[in-house]
C-alpha atoms as a PDB file:
ATOM      1  CA  MET A   1       0.000   0.000   0.000  1.00  0.00           C
ATOM      2  CA  SER A   2       1.361   3.393  -0.914  1.00  0.00           C
ATOM      3  CA  GLY A   3       0.450   7.020  -0.587  1.00  0.00           C
ATOM      4  CA  GLY A   4      -0.486   9.071   2.402  1.00  0.00           C
ATOM      5  CA  PRO A   5      -3.179   8.302   4.931  1.00  0.00           C
ATOM      6  CA  LEU A   6      -6.827   8.757   3.972  1.00  0.00           C
ATOM      7  CA  LEU A   7      -7.862   9.579   7.529  1.00  0.00           C
ATOM      8  CA  VAL A   8      -5.704  11.326  10.124  1.00  0.00           C
ATOM      9  CA  VAL A   9      -6.942  11.830  13.674  1.00  0.00           C
ATOM     10  CA  ASP A  10      -4.517  13.918  15.686  1.00  0.00           C
ATOM     11  CA  ASP A  11      -4.548  14.693  19.424  1.00  0.00           C
ATOM     12  CA  LEU A  12      -8.334  14.622  19.973  1.00  0.00           C
ATOM     13  CA  MET A  13      -9.632  15.794  23.322  1.00  0.00           C
ATOM     14  CA  LEU A  14     -13.319  15.651  24.211  1.00  0.00           C
ATOM     15  CA  ARG A  15     -14.763  16.713  27.549  1.00  0.00           C
ATOM     16  CA  PHE A  16     -18.259  16.642  28.961  1.00  0.00           C
ATOM     17  CA  GLY A  17     -18.214  19.113  31.836  1.00  0.00           C
ATOM     18  CA  GLY A  18     -15.566  17.835  34.247  1.00  0.00           C
ATOM     19  CA  ILE A  19     -15.339  14.408  32.570  1.00  0.00           C
ATOM     20  CA  THR A  20     -12.602  13.834  29.992  1.00  0.00           C
ATOM     21  CA  ALA A  21     -13.832  11.271  27.482  1.00  0.00           C
ATOM     22  CA  LEU A  22     -10.884  11.481  25.061  1.00  0.00           C
ATOM     23  CA  ASP A  23      -7.410  12.881  25.612  1.00  0.00           C
ATOM     24  CA  GLY A  24      -4.609  12.697  23.066  1.00  0.00           C
ATOM     25  CA  VAL A  25      -6.280  10.243  20.675  1.00  0.00           C
ATOM     26  CA  SER A  26      -4.301   9.947  17.440  1.00  0.00           C
ATOM     27  CA  PHE A  27      -4.300   7.436  14.602  1.00  0.00           C
ATOM     28  CA  GLU A  28      -3.995   7.184  10.817  1.00  0.00           C
ATOM     29  CA  LEU A  29      -5.837   4.986   8.354  1.00  0.00           C
ATOM     30  CA  ARG A  30      -4.522   4.225   4.866  1.00  0.00           C
ATOM     31  CA  ALA A  31      -6.314   2.761   1.852  1.00  0.00           C
ATOM     32  CA  GLY A  32      -6.951  -0.953   2.316  1.00  0.00           C
ATOM     33  CA  GLU A  33      -6.337  -0.899   6.072  1.00  0.00           C
ATOM     34  CA  LEU A  34      -8.810  -2.041   8.672  1.00  0.00           C
ATOM     35  CA  LEU A  35      -8.893  -0.331  12.043  1.00  0.00           C
ATOM     36  CA  ALA A  36     -10.672  -1.679  15.113  1.00  0.00           C
ATOM     37  CA  LEU A  37     -11.549   0.336  18.188  1.00  0.00           C
ATOM     38  CA  ILE A  38     -11.544  -2.000  21.149  1.00  0.00           C
ATOM     39  CA  GLY A  39     -11.792  -1.395  24.858  1.00  0.00           C
ATOM     40  CA  PRO A  40     -14.036  -1.746  27.871  1.00  0.00           C
ATOM     41  CA  ASN A  41     -17.301   0.108  28.392  1.00  0.00           C
ATOM     42  CA  GLY A  42     -16.630   3.800  28.909  1.00  0.00           C
ATOM     43  CA  ALA A  43     -13.257   3.749  27.136  1.00  0.00           C
ATOM     44  CA  GLY A  44     -14.366   6.317  24.530  1.00  0.00           C
ATOM     45  CA  LYS A  45     -14.977   4.170  21.448  1.00  0.00           C
ATOM     46  CA  THR A  46     -18.377   5.690  20.685  1.00  0.00           C
ATOM     47  CA  SER A  47     -17.070   9.170  21.503  1.00  0.00           C
ATOM     48  CA  ILE A  48     -14.369   8.737  18.838  1.00  0.00           C
ATOM     49  CA  LEU A  49     -16.974   7.643  16.282  1.00  0.00           C
ATOM     50  CA  ASN A  50     -19.222  10.566  17.204  1.00  0.00           C
ATOM     51  CA  CYS A  51     -16.313  12.966  16.668  1.00  0.00           C
ATOM     52  CA  LEU A  52     -15.620  11.369  13.285  1.00  0.00           C
ATOM     53  CA  ASN A  53     -19.235  11.622  12.131  1.00  0.00           C
ATOM     54  CA  GLY A  54     -19.708  15.185  13.396  1.00  0.00           C
ATOM     55  CA  VAL A  55     -22.123  14.521  16.263  1.00  0.00           C
ATOM     56  CA  TYR A  56     -19.525  15.735  18.800  1.00  0.00           C
ATOM     57  CA  ARG A  57     -17.028  18.541  18.304  1.00  0.00           C
ATOM     58  CA  PRO A  58     -13.803  17.875  20.210  1.00  0.00           C
ATOM     59  CA  GLN A  59     -12.264  20.702  22.216  1.00  0.00           C
ATOM     60  CA  ARG A  60      -8.821  19.987  20.777  1.00  0.00           C
ATOM     61  CA  GLY A  61      -7.300  18.130  17.869  1.00  0.00           C
ATOM     62  CA  SER A  62      -7.770  17.568  14.191  1.00  0.00           C
ATOM     63  CA  ILE A  63      -9.656  15.118  11.976  1.00  0.00           C
ATOM     64  CA  ARG A  64      -8.568  15.177   8.325  1.00  0.00           C
ATOM     65  CA  LEU A  65     -10.138  13.086   5.587  1.00  0.00           C
ATOM     66  CA  GLN A  66      -8.037  13.075   2.414  1.00  0.00           C
ATOM     67  CA  GLY A  67      -6.352  16.226   3.689  1.00  0.00           C
ATOM     68  CA  CYS A  68      -9.587  18.149   4.395  1.00  0.00           C
ATOM     69  CA  GLU A  69     -10.244  19.231   7.978  1.00  0.00           C
ATOM     70  CA  LEU A  70     -13.571  17.881   9.219  1.00  0.00           C
ATOM     71  CA  ILE A  71     -13.837  19.603  12.601  1.00  0.00           C
ATOM     72  CA  GLY A  72     -16.039  22.638  12.123  1.00  0.00           C
ATOM     73  CA  ALA A  73     -17.087  21.645   8.606  1.00  0.00           C
ATOM     74  CA  ALA A  74     -20.793  21.221   7.940  1.00  0.00           C
ATOM     75  CA  PRO A  75     -21.636  17.525   8.264  1.00  0.00           C
ATOM     76  CA  PRO A  76     -23.189  15.837   5.250  1.00  0.00           C
ATOM     77  CA  ALA A  77     -26.859  14.927   5.396  1.00  0.00           C
ATOM     78  CA  ARG A  78     -27.307  11.713   7.308  1.00  0.00           C
ATOM     79  CA  SER A  79     -30.274   9.618   8.239  1.00  0.00           C
ATOM     80  CA  SER A  80     -29.361   9.357  11.912  1.00  0.00           C
ATOM     81  CA  ASN A  81     -27.503  11.548  14.370  1.00  0.00           C
ATOM     82  CA  GLU A  82     -26.689   8.672  16.682  1.00  0.00           C
ATOM     83  CA  THR A  83     -23.879   6.147  16.579  1.00  0.00           C
ATOM     84  CA  PRO A  84     -25.196   2.845  17.888  1.00  0.00           C
ATOM     85  CA  SER A  85     -23.091   1.681  20.823  1.00  0.00           C
ATOM     86  CA  SER A  86     -24.003  -1.957  20.401  1.00  0.00           C
ATOM     87  CA  ALA A  87     -24.929  -4.222  17.563  1.00  0.00           C
ATOM     88  CA  VAL A  88     -27.123  -7.235  17.845  1.00  0.00           C
ATOM     89  CA  ILE A  89     -26.668  -9.977  15.287  1.00  0.00           C
ATOM     90  CA  PRO A  90     -29.814 -12.024  14.829  1.00  0.00           C
ATOM     91  CA  PRO A  91     -29.503 -15.722  15.649  1.00  0.00           C
ATOM     92  CA  LYS A  92     -28.249 -17.956  12.841  1.00  0.00           C
ATOM     93  CA  ARG A  93     -26.848 -15.011  10.867  1.00  0.00           C
ATOM     94  CA  SER A  94     -23.230 -14.148  10.282  1.00  0.00           C
ATOM     95  CA  THR A  95     -21.687 -10.771  10.936  1.00  0.00           C
ATOM     96  CA  ARG A  96     -21.055 -10.390   7.198  1.00  0.00           C
ATOM     97  CA  SER A  97     -24.685 -11.042   6.216  1.00  0.00           C
ATOM     98  CA  SER A  98     -25.899  -8.671   8.927  1.00  0.00           C
ATOM     99  CA  THR A  99     -23.713  -5.776   7.752  1.00  0.00           C
ATOM    100  CA  THR A 100     -23.884  -6.060   3.976  1.00  0.00           C
END
């Protein structure tokens, strides 16, 4: 894989009042890569996704998609303003058939 990263998240910080949900979150994603966010409940996984999709605006940091800054940009029209924090796969169905 060559070329620069498609997505760059740099030094995100997100606070809710006195609670720090994210502090110093940074990662890059290149074409063809798969990135997984794993961690216990309350670790900030959904907060990261909500920053990426524009639901939350972090107090610090940068999110660049193909070089374009997303923080502060108008979000595209979307059918839902909520990132589901859990997924239920119906019995006798695979993850692939439930997500495609």
